[in-house]
Amino acid sequence: MQFLSDLFHDFMSNIFYWVALIIVIVGVVFIINYISKNNAASPDDYSYEIIADEILQEYKDNNIQAELKYEDENVKINGTIDSISGNDDLVEIVLIDSLLGYRVTLTFTDTQEITQIASLVEGDNIVVVGKVAEYEDGILTNNLNIIKCNYEE
């Protein structure tokens, strides 16, 4: 009987060790994944360099193919500012706002980046590196969102 009791005790001691180890590993993987997804796009780390009109045209022509190509990718995008709105926590710059309802929106949430773009006005050219978040294909508005933008002077 003592043998079975010792065996059970050893098994339970080891199971707690393995469960604790698995919990720690899952936690570390979660934290690394969260940090990598929520960091701003690095100015030197982008998959595509494109002009705002061109990327929007790709979405107009075939938004499924464009989403497969660009979604969650960092892009370096160049365009002329159509409008600017926001505050000291969030700024949205629209590069294209066509009469047909197509838009490319750049979103800045980093305070340092917002300070850098504060002097920009409508009609200025801008180059940023950001992550393609989503293409909202709506009835009245089709909006391509570029988030976590880094302004390049």
Foldseek 3Di string as FASTA:
>chain_A
DVVVVVVVVVVVVVVVVVVVVVVVVVVVVVVVVVVVLPAFDDQVAFDEEEEPVVLLVVCVVPVVVSCVVAAQTKYKYKAFFAAWDDDQQKIKTWRDQDPQAEIEIEMEGDNVQCVVCVPDGGGDMWIWIFGFHDWDDDDRHTYTYTYSIHTDD
